[in-house]
Amino acid sequence: MHKKKLTYKNSGVDTSNTNKLIKYISNLSNKTKIKGSSIPGFKNIGGFGSLFDINPYNFKSPILVSATDGVGTKLEIANKLKKFDTIGIDLVAMCVNDLIVQGAKPLFFLDYIAISKVNKNKYKNILKGIYKGCKISNCYLSGGETAEMPGIYHQDKFDLAGFSVGIVDKEKILDGKKIKNDNLLLAIPSSGLHSNGFSLVRYILKLKKFNNKKLLKKLLIPTKIYVNEILKLHEKGLLNGCCNITGGGIIENLPRVLPKSKAVEIDLDKIKTLKIFKFLKNHNISDVEMLKTFNCGVGFCLIINKNNLNKIKNVFPQKFKPYVIGKIISFKSKKVTLNGKIKF
């Protein structure tokens, strides 16, 4: 009796699925090309490593800055709605919004998609979002990896991770040294929840048995990418410091960018929250927990000299105009002092 020869495909992994999509990925990558992304005689997509030439940027002392992140359990909301075209924007945003905190221009981005089985339409939509995020941030989609992992990821489950590299001149690194007493703390509005706190959000949805599509779509609004505005301000020398408000919220993220001798005083009354945070707050979550888990309407913070306020406001569209929520003070016992009460 002849035994059937076993193949990788028998185990649930069909490499031809992803191989057929190489051309699609390559076309998206080509549309994101920027200065330095083309190396004569070499193709990044399909190669083993991606090449990028930093010489065209003519920095006196170029410093590379790297960041990596994922989207977290926001993926489960995408699965619930079967809507995958914006989740890739979140993936790019979570990386490039970290790079600009140091004043770095994002250069290139790579993605990692782990999935039980490649579904062509779902896969293409995820990649479309990644492509959109790269276009918005003027960042080159230089490659990535797709792993079919049956047994680890069941049915429609998947995970996304991203990695990005940026560049900044050594003399222009935003390192907190310019932050002084009485500098203003500005809040730039978020587009929604961004990609943090979704395990708590999903716990609330499960407890209250919410399955409202309108609500779920609001939860899925992609993370605002702040790259263009922040780099424009940095180029003009208008920033003393900035901070991406991600996991840990304002309370835990701001101390990460402050010098040892400085602290921040925040007037919670001035924070403009969004309706989605009011919805969450109404489900028995304390103010402190809200501030530690969610951005509460503040997606990014700037630390600036008072006399630069109007110049900075003019760089942003109306929906994302920064506004004052606090000031820098000398450090005594707390890195963050909260005054007033946040209004939900």
Protein backbone atom coordinates (compact mmCIF):
# COMPACT_ATOMS: atom_id res chain seq x y z
CA MET A 1 0.00 0.00 0.00
CA HIS A 2 1.31 3.43 -0.99
CA LYS A 3 1.13 6.00 1.76
CA LYS A 4 0.11 9.50 0.77
CA LYS A 5 3.06 11.91 0.84
CA LEU A 6 2.54 14.63 3.40
CA THR A 7 2.91 18.29 2.42
CA TYR A 8 3.00 21.65 4.18
CA LYS A 9 -0.44 22.27 2.67
CA ASN A 10 -1.80 19.19 4.50
CA SER A 11 -0.87 20.86 7.79
CA GLY A 12 -2.96 23.92 6.93
CA VAL A 13 -0.32 26.23 5.43
CA ASP A 14 -0.60 27.06 1.73
CA THR A 15 2.39 29.24 0.80
CA SER A 16 1.00 29.78 -2.70
CA ASN A 17 -1.66 32.07 -1.16
CA THR A 18 0.89 34.67 -0.09
CA ASN A 19 3.18 34.12 -3.10
CA LYS A 20 0.30 35.10 -5.40
CA LEU A 21 -0.09 38.36 -3.50
CA ILE A 22 3.55 39.49 -3.88
CA LYS A 23 2.69 41.53 -6.99
CA TYR A 24 -0.13 43.30 -5.13
CA ILE A 25 2.17 44.13 -2.20
CA SER A 26 4.89 45.30 -4.59
CA ASN A 27 2.49 47.70 -6.33
CA LEU A 28 1.48 49.23 -2.98
CA SER A 29 5.13 49.54 -1.95
CA ASN A 30 6.05 51.30 -5.20
CA LYS A 31 3.34 53.92 -4.56
CA THR A 32 4.98 54.85 -1.24
CA LYS A 33 8.50 55.42 -2.60
CA ILE A 34 10.33 58.42 -1.15
CA LYS A 35 13.85 59.85 -1.38
CA GLY A 36 16.32 57.04 -0.59
CA SER A 37 13.92 54.13 -1.07
CA SER A 38 15.13 53.12 -4.55
CA ILE A 39 18.44 51.28 -4.78
CA PRO A 40 19.52 50.60 -8.42
CA GLY A 41 19.40 46.89 -9.29
CA PHE A 42 17.60 45.85 -6.12
CA LYS A 43 13.96 45.12 -5.29
CA ASN A 44 12.95 45.32 -1.63
CA ILE A 45 9.72 43.32 -1.98
CA GLY A 46 10.66 39.68 -2.49
CA GLY A 47 14.18 40.12 -1.14
CA PHE A 48 15.50 38.96 2.22
CA GLY A 49 16.16 42.42 3.62
CA SER A 50 15.04 45.91 2.64
CA LEU A 51 17.60 48.55 1.68
CA PHE A 52 17.32 52.30 2.29
CA ASP A 53 19.84 55.03 1.45
CA ILE A 54 20.04 57.86 4.02
CA ASN A 55 22.69 59.86 2.07
CA PRO A 56 20.14 61.95 0.10
CA TYR A 57 18.97 63.51 3.39
CA ASN A 58 22.32 65.31 3.83
CA PHE A 59 22.27 65.33 7.63
CA LYS A 60 25.49 66.45 9.28
CA SER A 61 25.15 63.85 12.06
CA PRO A 62 22.31 61.46 11.13
CA ILE A 63 20.74 59.53 13.99
CA LEU A 64 18.33 56.65 13.32
CA VAL A 65 15.28 56.32 15.57
CA SER A 66 13.22 53.12 15.67
CA ALA A 67 9.79 52.20 17.01
CA THR A 68 7.65 49.08 17.05
CA ASP A 69 4.06 48.48 18.11
CA GLY A 70 0.82 46.67 17.36
CA VAL A 71 -2.88 47.44 17.31
CA GLY A 72 -3.91 45.37 20.33
CA THR A 73 -7.41 44.02 20.73
CA LYS A 74 -8.88 46.71 18.48
CA LEU A 75 -8.43 43.89 15.95
CA GLU A 76 -11.40 42.15 17.55
CA ILE A 77 -13.65 45.11 16.72
CA ALA A 78 -12.45 44.90 13.10
CA ASN A 79 -13.26 41.18 13.11
CA LYS A 80 -16.71 41.81 14.54
CA LEU A 81 -17.55 44.34 11.81
CA LYS A 82 -15.59 42.44 9.13
CA LYS A 83 -14.03 45.80 8.28
CA PHE A 84 -10.26 45.69 7.78
CA ASP A 85 -9.39 48.70 5.60
CA THR A 86 -8.46 51.09 8.44
CA ILE A 87 -6.76 48.83 10.98
CA GLY A 88 -3.49 49.15 9.01
CA ILE A 89 -3.61 52.94 9.45
CA ASP A 90 -3.63 52.31 13.20
CA LEU A 91 -0.61 50.03 12.86
CA VAL A 92 1.46 52.67 11.05
CA ALA A 93 0.24 55.46 13.34
CA MET A 94 1.25 53.64 16.52
CA CYS A 95 4.85 53.50 15.24
CA VAL A 96 5.34 56.81 13.40
CA ASN A 97 3.64 58.87 16.14
CA ASP A 98 6.35 57.55 18.49
CA LEU A 99 9.19 58.47 16.11
CA ILE A 100 8.17 62.13 15.85
CA VAL A 101 8.38 62.56 19.65
CA GLN A 102 12.17 62.73 19.15
CA GLY A 103 11.74 64.93 16.07
CA ALA A 104 12.54 62.10 13.63
CA LYS A 105 11.17 61.92 10.09
CA PRO A 106 9.78 58.41 9.41
CA LEU A 107 11.71 56.77 6.57
CA PHE A 108 10.41 53.24 6.17
CA PHE A 109 7.91 50.80 7.64
CA LEU A 110 7.63 47.01 7.80
CA ASP A 111 4.62 44.98 8.87
CA TYR A 112 4.16 41.52 10.38
CA ILE A 113 0.83 39.78 9.86
CA ALA A 114 0.15 36.53 11.74
CA ILE A 115 -3.04 34.77 10.66
CA SER A 116 -4.61 31.31 10.71
CA LYS A 117 -5.17 31.26 6.95
CA VAL A 118 -4.72 33.96 4.33
CA ASN A 119 -8.07 35.24 3.11
CA LYS A 120 -7.37 37.24 -0.05
CA ASN A 121 -9.91 40.06 0.47
CA LYS A 122 -9.23 40.44 4.19
CA TYR A 123 -5.47 40.43 3.58
CA LYS A 124 -5.71 43.02 0.80
CA ASN A 125 -7.84 45.33 2.96
CA ILE A 126 -5.37 45.11 5.85
CA LEU A 127 -2.54 46.00 3.46
CA LYS A 128 -4.57 48.85 1.95
CA GLY A 129 -4.76 50.40 5.42
CA ILE A 130 -1.01 49.98 5.95
CA TYR A 131 -0.43 51.61 2.56
CA LYS A 132 -2.75 54.53 3.49
CA GLY A 133 -0.90 55.03 6.78
CA CYS A 134 2.44 55.12 4.96
CA LYS A 135 1.11 57.61 2.40
CA ILE A 136 -0.27 59.91 5.11
CA SER A 137 3.05 59.90 6.97
CA ASN A 138 5.18 60.03 3.77
CA CYS A 139 6.89 56.83 4.86
CA TYR A 140 8.10 54.03 2.56
CA LEU A 141 6.44 50.61 2.88
CA SER A 142 9.67 48.66 2.42
CA GLY A 143 8.53 45.12 3.20
CA GLY A 144 7.02 42.82 5.76
CA GLU A 145 6.22 39.24 6.70
CA THR A 146 3.08 37.14 6.60
CA ALA A 147 2.89 34.04 8.81
CA GLU A 148 0.11 31.49 8.39
CA MET A 149 -0.15 29.84 11.81
CA PRO A 150 -3.05 27.37 12.04
CA GLY A 151 -3.44 26.07 15.57
CA ILE A 152 -2.09 29.31 17.08
CA TYR A 153 -4.68 31.60 15.46
CA HIS A 154 -8.12 30.01 15.13
CA GLN A 155 -10.81 30.78 12.55
CA ASP A 156 -10.75 34.54 11.78
CA LYS A 157 -8.20 35.53 14.46
CA PHE A 158 -5.06 37.43 13.45
CA ASP A 159 -2.43 39.79 14.82
CA LEU A 160 -0.56 42.77 13.43
CA ALA A 161 2.78 44.24 14.40
CA GLY A 162 4.72 47.06 12.82
CA PHE A 163 8.27 48.41 12.83
CA SER A 164 9.43 51.80 11.61
CA VAL A 165 12.72 53.67 11.35
CA GLY A 166 13.12 57.44 11.22
CA ILE A 167 16.00 59.90 10.94
CA VAL A 168 16.91 63.10 12.76
CA ASP A 169 20.02 65.29 12.84
CA LYS A 170 21.81 64.85 16.19
CA GLU A 171 21.61 68.59 16.90
CA LYS A 172 17.84 68.59 16.35
CA ILE A 173 16.82 65.68 18.59
CA LEU A 174 13.92 66.64 20.85
CA ASP A 175 15.42 65.41 24.12
CA GLY A 176 13.70 67.68 26.67
CA LYS A 177 16.69 69.98 27.22
CA LYS A 178 14.78 73.00 25.89
CA ILE A 179 11.83 72.50 28.28
CA LYS A 180 11.63 75.39 30.78
CA ASN A 181 9.32 76.57 33.57
CA ASP A 182 6.13 78.26 32.32
CA ASN A 183 6.31 76.53 28.93
CA LEU A 184 2.76 75.78 27.81
CA LEU A 185 1.40 72.26 27.54
CA LEU A 186 -0.84 71.92 24.48
CA ALA A 187 -3.29 69.13 23.72
CA ILE A 188 -3.84 68.06 20.12
CA PRO A 189 -7.23 66.34 19.77
CA SER A 190 -7.36 62.62 19.08
CA SER A 191 -9.54 61.10 16.37
CA GLY A 192 -11.08 58.72 18.89
CA LEU A 193 -9.72 55.92 21.08
CA HIS A 194 -6.72 55.44 18.78
CA SER A 195 -5.44 51.93 19.65
CA ASN A 196 -5.38 51.80 23.45
CA GLY A 197 -7.67 50.47 26.16
CA PHE A 198 -9.61 48.10 23.92
CA SER A 199 -9.52 45.16 26.33
CA LEU A 200 -11.50 47.29 28.79
CA VAL A 201 -13.78 48.54 25.99
CA ARG A 202 -14.52 44.98 24.89
CA TYR A 203 -15.14 43.94 28.50
CA ILE A 204 -17.80 46.67 28.77
CA LEU A 205 -19.37 45.63 25.45
CA LYS A 206 -19.53 42.04 26.66
CA LEU A 207 -20.95 42.90 30.10
CA LYS A 208 -23.66 45.14 28.66
CA LYS A 209 -24.20 42.95 25.57
CA PHE A 210 -23.69 45.88 23.19
CA ASN A 211 -23.69 44.97 19.52
CA ASN A 212 -24.60 48.32 17.98
CA LYS A 213 -22.88 48.67 14.58
CA LYS A 214 -22.88 52.47 14.74
CA LEU A 215 -21.02 52.33 18.07
CA LEU A 216 -18.58 49.69 16.82
CA LYS A 217 -17.76 51.84 13.77
CA LYS A 218 -16.93 54.77 16.07
CA LEU A 219 -14.60 52.51 18.03
CA LEU A 220 -12.87 51.55 14.79
CA ILE A 221 -12.05 55.15 13.72
CA PRO A 222 -8.31 55.01 12.87
CA THR A 223 -5.58 56.66 14.92
CA LYS A 224 -4.73 60.20 13.84
CA ILE A 225 -1.25 60.42 12.29
CA TYR A 226 0.46 63.64 13.48
CA VAL A 227 3.64 63.34 11.39
CA ASN A 228 3.23 66.18 8.88
CA GLU A 229 2.19 68.84 11.38
CA ILE A 230 4.79 67.91 14.01
CA LEU A 231 7.68 67.79 11.53
CA LYS A 232 6.65 71.16 10.07
CA LEU A 233 6.70 72.70 13.56
CA HIS A 234 10.00 71.05 14.42
CA GLU A 235 11.58 72.32 11.20
CA LYS A 236 10.64 75.86 12.24
CA GLY A 237 12.12 75.34 15.73
CA LEU A 238 8.77 75.86 17.46
CA LEU A 239 8.82 72.79 19.73
CA ASN A 240 10.55 72.30 23.07
CA GLY A 241 9.11 68.82 23.54
CA CYS A 242 6.23 66.58 22.57
CA CYS A 243 4.54 63.40 23.70
CA ASN A 244 2.46 60.68 22.06
CA ILE A 245 -0.47 59.81 24.33
CA THR A 246 -0.73 56.03 24.06
CA GLY A 247 -1.19 53.27 26.66
CA GLY A 248 -1.04 54.84 30.12
CA GLY A 249 -2.73 58.05 28.97
CA ILE A 250 -1.59 61.56 29.89
CA ILE A 251 -0.63 60.58 33.45
CA GLU A 252 1.95 57.95 32.49
CA ASN A 253 3.23 59.27 29.15
CA LEU A 254 4.11 62.90 29.92
CA PRO A 255 6.76 62.06 32.59
CA ARG A 256 8.64 60.09 29.91
CA VAL A 257 9.56 63.30 28.02
CA LEU A 258 10.23 65.66 30.94
CA PRO A 259 13.73 66.44 32.28
CA LYS A 260 14.42 65.30 35.87
CA SER A 261 14.07 68.85 37.22
CA LYS A 262 10.69 69.53 35.56
CA ALA A 263 7.09 68.53 36.17
CA VAL A 264 3.77 69.40 34.57
CA GLU A 265 0.61 70.96 35.99
CA ILE A 266 -2.54 70.02 34.07
CA ASP A 267 -5.91 71.77 34.26
CA LEU A 268 -8.36 68.91 33.66
CA ASP A 269 -11.25 71.39 33.20
CA LYS A 270 -9.70 72.45 29.90
CA ILE A 271 -9.55 69.00 28.30
CA LYS A 272 -12.08 68.59 25.49
CA THR A 273 -13.29 65.01 25.56
CA LEU A 274 -15.11 63.20 22.77
CA LYS A 275 -18.55 61.57 23.02
CA ILE A 276 -17.10 58.06 22.91
CA PHE A 277 -15.27 58.70 26.20
CA LYS A 278 -18.49 59.88 27.81
CA PHE A 279 -20.07 56.57 26.79
CA LEU A 280 -17.22 54.64 28.45
CA LYS A 281 -17.18 56.83 31.57
CA ASN A 282 -20.89 56.11 32.09
CA HIS A 283 -20.04 52.47 32.77
CA ASN A 284 -18.65 52.94 36.27
CA ILE A 285 -15.04 53.82 35.44
CA SER A 286 -13.27 56.30 37.75
CA ASP A 287 -11.72 59.52 36.39
CA VAL A 288 -8.22 58.31 37.29
CA GLU A 289 -8.80 54.98 35.50
CA MET A 290 -10.11 56.85 32.44
CA LEU A 291 -7.01 59.07 32.37
CA LYS A 292 -4.64 56.10 32.79
CA THR A 293 -6.32 53.85 30.23
CA PHE A 294 -7.57 56.14 27.45
CA ASN A 295 -6.38 59.31 25.72
CA CYS A 296 -9.70 60.99 26.72
CA GLY A 297 -9.60 63.19 23.61
CA VAL A 298 -5.91 64.17 23.82
CA GLY A 299 -3.96 62.25 21.17
CA PHE A 300 -0.66 64.13 21.31
CA CYS A 301 0.89 66.85 23.48
CA LEU A 302 3.25 69.72 22.68
CA ILE A 303 5.46 71.70 25.05
CA ILE A 304 6.12 75.19 23.70
CA ASN A 305 7.15 78.78 24.46
CA LYS A 306 4.11 80.98 25.14
CA ASN A 307 4.84 83.38 22.28
CA ASN A 308 4.69 80.56 19.68
CA LEU A 309 1.09 79.53 20.43
CA ASN A 310 -0.63 81.21 17.46
CA LYS A 311 2.03 80.14 14.95
CA ILE A 312 1.56 76.53 16.10
CA LYS A 313 -2.24 76.63 15.95
CA ASN A 314 -2.13 77.81 12.34
CA VAL A 315 -0.36 74.63 11.18
CA PHE A 316 -3.31 72.39 12.11
CA PRO A 317 -6.74 71.91 10.49
CA GLN A 318 -9.71 73.10 12.58
CA LYS A 319 -10.60 69.61 13.85
CA PHE A 320 -7.12 69.08 15.33
CA LYS A 321 -6.17 72.58 16.50
CA PRO A 322 -4.05 72.41 19.70
CA TYR A 323 -5.21 74.16 22.86
CA VAL A 324 -3.62 74.92 26.24
CA ILE A 325 -4.23 72.41 29.07
CA GLY A 326 -1.35 73.16 31.41
CA LYS A 327 2.18 74.40 32.02
CA ILE A 328 5.65 73.22 33.02
CA ILE A 329 6.73 73.72 36.65
CA SER A 330 9.73 72.72 38.81
CA PHE A 331 9.70 69.13 40.05
CA LYS A 332 9.06 68.79 43.77
CA SER A 333 7.30 65.55 44.64
CA LYS A 334 5.08 64.78 41.63
CA LYS A 335 5.85 64.67 37.91
CA VAL A 336 2.18 65.30 37.08
CA THR A 337 -0.14 67.55 39.11
CA LEU A 338 -3.83 67.40 38.20
CA ASN A 339 -6.13 70.35 38.95
CA GLY A 340 -9.88 70.59 38.38
CA LYS A 341 -12.07 67.79 37.09
CA ILE A 342 -12.27 66.35 33.60
CA LYS A 343 -15.66 66.80 31.97
CA PHE A 344 -17.13 63.77 30.22
